[in-house]
């Protein structure tokens, strides 16, 4: 539960920051985060198919 509270607090701070930065920077940051999450998802899927957790 404490992790959820910390995550929501960090999310709120991030959204507050995004409101004050240029749209171009926000788009680049969103693209980088999306790519990072896609790579992570592919690695996790590949690891689960092999039967190992890490």
PDB file of N, CA and C in Angstrom:
ATOM      1  N   UNK A   1       0.826  -1.197   0.000  1.00  0.00           N
ATOM      2  CA  UNK A   1       0.000   0.000   0.000  1.00  0.00           C
ATOM      3  C   UNK A   1       0.871   1.262   0.000  1.00  0.00           C
ATOM      4  N   UNK A   2       1.947   1.202   0.757  1.00  0.00           N
ATOM      5  CA  UNK A   2       2.847   2.348   0.803  1.00  0.00           C
ATOM      6  C   UNK A   2       3.478   2.590  -0.563  1.00  0.00           C
ATOM      7  N   UNK A   3       3.786   1.496  -1.287  1.00  0.00           N
ATOM      8  CA  UNK A   3       4.331   1.626  -2.626  1.00  0.00           C
ATOM      9  C   UNK A   3       3.342   2.336  -3.539  1.00  0.00           C
ATOM     10  N   UNK A   4       2.063   2.005  -3.427  1.00  0.00           N
ATOM     11  CA  UNK A   4       1.036   2.636  -4.250  1.00  0.00           C
ATOM     12  C   UNK A   4       0.944   4.132  -3.952  1.00  0.00           C
ATOM     13  N   UNK A   5       1.007   4.504  -2.711  1.00  0.00           N
ATOM     14  CA  UNK A   5       0.966   5.918  -2.330  1.00  0.00           C
ATOM     15  C   UNK A   5       2.176   6.659  -2.895  1.00  0.00           C
ATOM     16  N   UNK A   6       3.348   6.040  -2.778  1.00  0.00           N
ATOM     17  CA  UNK A   6       4.565   6.668  -3.306  1.00  0.00           C
ATOM     18  C   UNK A   6       4.486   6.796  -4.825  1.00  0.00           C
ATOM     19  N   UNK A   7       3.976   5.777  -5.502  1.00  0.00           N
ATOM     20  CA  UNK A   7       3.846   5.824  -6.961  1.00  0.00           C
ATOM     21  C   UNK A   7       2.884   6.929  -7.383  1.00  0.00           C
ATOM     22  N   UNK A   8       1.769   7.058  -6.704  1.00  0.00           N
ATOM     23  CA  UNK A   8       0.805   8.105  -7.041  1.00  0.00           C
ATOM     24  C   UNK A   8       1.375   9.493  -6.759  1.00  0.00           C
ATOM     25  N   UNK A   9       2.130   9.633  -5.700  1.00  0.00           N
ATOM     26  CA  UNK A   9       2.773  10.910  -5.399  1.00  0.00           C
ATOM     27  C   UNK A   9       3.776  11.270  -6.496  1.00  0.00           C
ATOM     28  N   UNK A  10       4.587  10.299  -6.899  1.00  0.00           N
ATOM     29  CA  UNK A  10       5.546  10.532  -7.976  1.00  0.00           C
ATOM     30  C   UNK A  10       4.828  10.863  -9.279  1.00  0.00           C
ATOM     31  N   UNK A  11       3.731  10.186  -9.550  1.00  0.00           N
ATOM     32  CA  UNK A  11       2.930  10.454 -10.745  1.00  0.00           C
ATOM     33  C   UNK A  11       2.407  11.889 -10.730  1.00  0.00           C
ATOM     34  N   UNK A  12       1.931  12.337  -9.603  1.00  0.00           N
ATOM     35  CA  UNK A  12       1.432  13.703  -9.480  1.00  0.00           C
ATOM     36  C   UNK A  12       2.520  14.738  -9.682  1.00  0.00           C
ATOM     37  N   UNK A  13       3.692  14.490  -9.133  1.00  0.00           N
ATOM     38  CA  UNK A  13       4.812  15.409  -9.314  1.00  0.00           C
ATOM     39  C   UNK A  13       5.223  15.451 -10.787  1.00  0.00           C
ATOM     40  N   UNK A  14       5.239  14.281 -11.418  1.00  0.00           N
ATOM     41  CA  UNK A  14       5.600  14.211 -12.838  1.00  0.00           C
ATOM     42  C   UNK A  14       4.600  14.965 -13.696  1.00  0.00           C
ATOM     43  N   UNK A  15       3.325  14.792 -13.448  1.00  0.00           N
ATOM     44  CA  UNK A  15       2.314  15.507 -14.223  1.00  0.00           C
ATOM     45  C   UNK A  15       2.427  17.006 -14.003  1.00  0.00           C
ATOM     46  N   UNK A  16       2.752  17.404 -12.810  1.00  0.00           N
ATOM     47  CA  UNK A  16       2.945  18.828 -12.545  1.00  0.00           C
ATOM     48  C   UNK A  16       4.122  19.383 -13.322  1.00  0.00           C
ATOM     49  N   UNK A  17       5.173  18.578 -13.436  1.00  0.00           N
ATOM     50  CA  UNK A  17       6.345  18.987 -14.205  1.00  0.00           C
ATOM     51  C   UNK A  17       6.026  19.056 -15.684  1.00  0.00           C
ATOM     52  N   UNK A  18       5.286  18.082 -16.182  1.00  0.00           N
ATOM     53  CA  UNK A  18       4.940  18.039 -17.606  1.00  0.00           C
ATOM     54  C   UNK A  18       4.129  19.263 -18.006  1.00  0.00           C
ATOM     55  N   UNK A  19       3.355  19.782 -17.099  1.00  0.00           N
ATOM     56  CA  UNK A  19       2.539  20.951 -17.414  1.00  0.00           C
ATOM     57  C   UNK A  19       3.390  22.192 -17.657  1.00  0.00           C
ATOM     58  N   UNK A  20       4.649  22.179 -17.217  1.00  0.00           N
ATOM     59  CA  UNK A  20       5.498  23.364 -17.320  1.00  0.00           C
ATOM     60  C   UNK A  20       6.631  23.231 -18.331  1.00  0.00           C
ATOM     61  N   UNK A  21       6.724  22.090 -19.014  1.00  0.00           N
ATOM     62  CA  UNK A  21       7.782  21.917 -20.020  1.00  0.00           C
ATOM     63  C   UNK A  21       7.174  22.014 -21.411  1.00  0.00           C
ATOM     64  N   UNK A  22       7.979  22.315 -22.409  1.00  0.00           N
ATOM     65  CA  UNK A  22       7.458  22.431 -23.773  1.00  0.00           C
ATOM     66  C   UNK A  22       6.874  21.111 -24.286  1.00  0.00           C
ATOM     67  N   UNK A  23       5.939  21.209 -25.200  1.00  0.00           N
ATOM     68  CA  UNK A  23       5.261  20.034 -25.740  1.00  0.00           C
ATOM     69  C   UNK A  23       6.245  19.099 -26.442  1.00  0.00           C
ATOM     70  N   UNK A  24       7.229  19.645 -27.134  1.00  0.00           N
ATOM     71  CA  UNK A  24       8.212  18.813 -27.815  1.00  0.00           C
ATOM     72  C   UNK A  24       8.984  17.923 -26.859  1.00  0.00           C
ATOM     73  N   UNK A  25       9.410  18.491 -25.742  1.00  0.00           N
ATOM     74  CA  UNK A  25      10.132  17.712 -24.742  1.00  0.00           C
ATOM     75  C   UNK A  25       9.247  16.614 -24.165  1.00  0.00           C
ATOM     76  N   UNK A  26       7.986  16.932 -23.916  1.00  0.00           N
ATOM     77  CA  UNK A  26       7.044  15.951 -23.391  1.00  0.00           C
ATOM     78  C   UNK A  26       6.869  14.802 -24.375  1.00  0.00           C
ATOM     79  N   UNK A  27       6.760  15.116 -25.672  1.00  0.00           N
ATOM     80  CA  UNK A  27       6.591  14.080 -26.689  1.00  0.00           C
ATOM     81  C   UNK A  27       7.820  13.185 -26.774  1.00  0.00           C
ATOM     82  N   UNK A  28       9.005  13.777 -26.709  1.00  0.00           N
ATOM     83  CA  UNK A  28      10.236  12.982 -26.754  1.00  0.00           C
ATOM     84  C   UNK A  28      10.328  12.086 -25.523  1.00  0.00           C
ATOM     85  N   UNK A  29      10.053  12.637 -24.363  1.00  0.00           N
ATOM     86  CA  UNK A  29      10.113  11.846 -23.131  1.00  0.00           C
ATOM     87  C   UNK A  29       9.091  10.708 -23.171  1.00  0.00           C
ATOM     88  N   UNK A  30       7.899  10.972 -23.675  1.00  0.00           N
ATOM     89  CA  UNK A  30       6.873   9.931 -23.775  1.00  0.00           C
ATOM     90  C   UNK A  30       7.308   8.827 -24.734  1.00  0.00           C
ATOM     91  N   UNK A  31       7.956   9.195 -25.822  1.00  0.00           N
ATOM     92  CA  UNK A  31       8.439   8.213 -26.788  1.00  0.00           C
ATOM     93  C   UNK A  31       9.536   7.342 -26.181  1.00  0.00           C
ATOM     94  N   UNK A  32      10.445   7.958 -25.452  1.00  0.00           N
ATOM     95  CA  UNK A  32      11.523   7.207 -24.801  1.00  0.00           C
ATOM     96  C   UNK A  32      10.948   6.237 -23.772  1.00  0.00           C
ATOM     97  N   UNK A  33      10.009   6.685 -22.976  1.00  0.00           N
ATOM     98  CA  UNK A  33       9.399   5.819 -21.968  1.00  0.00           C
ATOM     99  C   UNK A  33       8.638   4.674 -22.617  1.00  0.00           C
ATOM    100  N   UNK A  34       7.901   4.961 -23.694  1.00  0.00           N
ATOM    101  CA  UNK A  34       7.152   3.913 -24.399  1.00  0.00           C
ATOM    102  C   UNK A  34       8.104   2.869 -24.987  1.00  0.00           C
ATOM    103  N   UNK A  35       9.221   3.314 -25.549  1.00  0.00           N
ATOM    104  CA  UNK A  35      10.199   2.371 -26.097  1.00  0.00           C
ATOM    105  C   UNK A  35      10.810   1.513 -24.993  1.00  0.00           C
ATOM    106  N   UNK A  36      11.126   2.135 -23.869  1.00  0.00           N
ATOM    107  CA  UNK A  36      11.682   1.402 -22.741  1.00  0.00           C
ATOM    108  C   UNK A  36      10.700   0.341 -22.255  1.00  0.00           C
ATOM    109  N   UNK A  37       9.426   0.690 -22.136  1.00  0.00           N
ATOM    110  CA  UNK A  37       8.424  -0.270 -21.691  1.00  0.00           C
ATOM    111  C   UNK A  37       8.236  -1.386 -22.708  1.00  0.00           C
ATOM    112  N   UNK A  38       8.304  -1.079 -23.999  1.00  0.00           N
ATOM    113  CA  UNK A  38       8.168  -2.105 -25.034  1.00  0.00           C
ATOM    114  C   UNK A  38       9.327  -3.097 -24.961  1.00  0.00           C
ATOM    115  N   UNK A  39      10.547  -2.593 -24.795  1.00  0.00           N
ATOM    116  CA  UNK A  39      11.708  -3.477 -24.670  1.00  0.00           C
ATOM    117  C   UNK A  39      11.577  -4.347 -23.424  1.00  0.00           C
ATOM    118  N   UNK A  40      11.152  -3.764 -22.327  1.00  0.00           N
ATOM    119  CA  UNK A  40      10.967  -4.519 -21.092  1.00  0.00           C
ATOM    120  C   UNK A  40       9.933  -5.618 -21.285  1.00  0.00           C
ATOM    121  N   UNK A  41       8.806  -5.299 -21.936  1.00  0.00           N
ATOM    122  CA  UNK A  41       7.753  -6.289 -22.157  1.00  0.00           C
ATOM    123  C   UNK A  41       8.246  -7.427 -23.042  1.00  0.00           C
ATOM    124  N   UNK A  42       8.995  -7.092 -24.086  1.00  0.00           N
ATOM    125  CA  UNK A  42       9.532  -8.136 -24.960  1.00  0.00           C
ATOM    126  C   UNK A  42      10.523  -9.032 -24.221  1.00  0.00           C
ATOM    127  N   UNK A  43      11.369  -8.440 -23.401  1.00  0.00           N
ATOM    128  CA  UNK A  43      12.324  -9.242 -22.622  1.00  0.00           C
ATOM    129  C   UNK A  43      11.611 -10.152 -21.638  1.00  0.00           C
ATOM    130  N   UNK A  44      10.573  -9.645 -20.998  1.00  0.00           N
ATOM    131  CA  UNK A  44       9.808 -10.466 -20.056  1.00  0.00           C
ATOM    132  C   UNK A  44       9.100 -11.612 -20.775  1.00  0.00           C
ATOM    133  N   UNK A  45       8.519 -11.327 -21.924  1.00  0.00           N
ATOM    134  CA  UNK A  45       7.833 -12.367 -22.683  1.00  0.00           C
ATOM    135  C   UNK A  45       8.826 -13.446 -23.115  1.00  0.00           C
ATOM    136  N   UNK A  46       9.993 -13.010 -23.569  1.00  0.00           N
ATOM    137  CA  UNK A  46      11.015 -13.955 -23.994  1.00  0.00           C
ATOM    138  C   UNK A  46      11.493 -14.803 -22.808  1.00  0.00           C
ATOM    139  N   UNK A  47      11.673 -14.205 -21.661  1.00  0.00           N
ATOM    140  CA  UNK A  47      12.132 -14.929 -20.474  1.00  0.00           C
ATOM    141  C   UNK A  47      11.080 -15.934 -20.016  1.00  0.00           C
ATOM    142  N   UNK A  48       9.811 -15.581 -20.099  1.00  0.00           N
ATOM    143  CA  UNK A  48       8.763 -16.516 -19.675  1.00  0.00           C
ATOM    144  C   UNK A  48       8.645 -17.707 -20.623  1.00  0.00           C
ATOM    145  N   UNK A  49       8.902 -17.487 -21.897  1.00  0.00           N
ATOM    146  CA  UNK A  49       8.845 -18.594 -22.859  1.00  0.00           C
ATOM    147  C   UNK A  49       9.971 -19.581 -22.615  1.00  0.00           C
ATOM    148  N   UNK A  50      11.112 -19.075 -22.170  1.00  0.00           N
ATOM    149  CA  UNK A  50      12.237 -19.953 -21.883  1.00  0.00           C
ATOM    150  C   UNK A  50      12.076 -20.674 -20.557  1.00  0.00           C
ATOM    151  N   UNK A  51      11.146 -20.217 -19.730  1.00  0.00           N
ATOM    152  CA  UNK A  51      10.902 -20.876 -18.452  1.00  0.00           C
ATOM    153  C   UNK A  51      11.726 -20.364 -17.303  1.00  0.00           C
ATOM    154  N   UNK A  52      12.431 -19.246 -17.511  1.00  0.00           N
ATOM    155  CA  UNK A  52      13.219 -18.669 -16.428  1.00  0.00           C
ATOM    156  C   UNK A  52      12.632 -17.321 -16.053  1.00  0.00           C
ATOM    157  N   UNK A  53      12.720 -16.987 -14.795  1.00  0.00           N
ATOM    158  CA  UNK A  53      12.188 -15.695 -14.369  1.00  0.00           C
ATOM    159  C   UNK A  53      13.228 -14.596 -14.534  1.00  0.00           C
ATOM    160  N   UNK A  54      14.532 -14.907 -14.397  1.00  0.00           N
ATOM    161  CA  UNK A  54      15.614 -13.923 -14.642  1.00  0.00           C
ATOM    162  C   UNK A  54      16.912 -14.625 -14.750  1.00  0.00           C
TER     163      UNK A  54
END
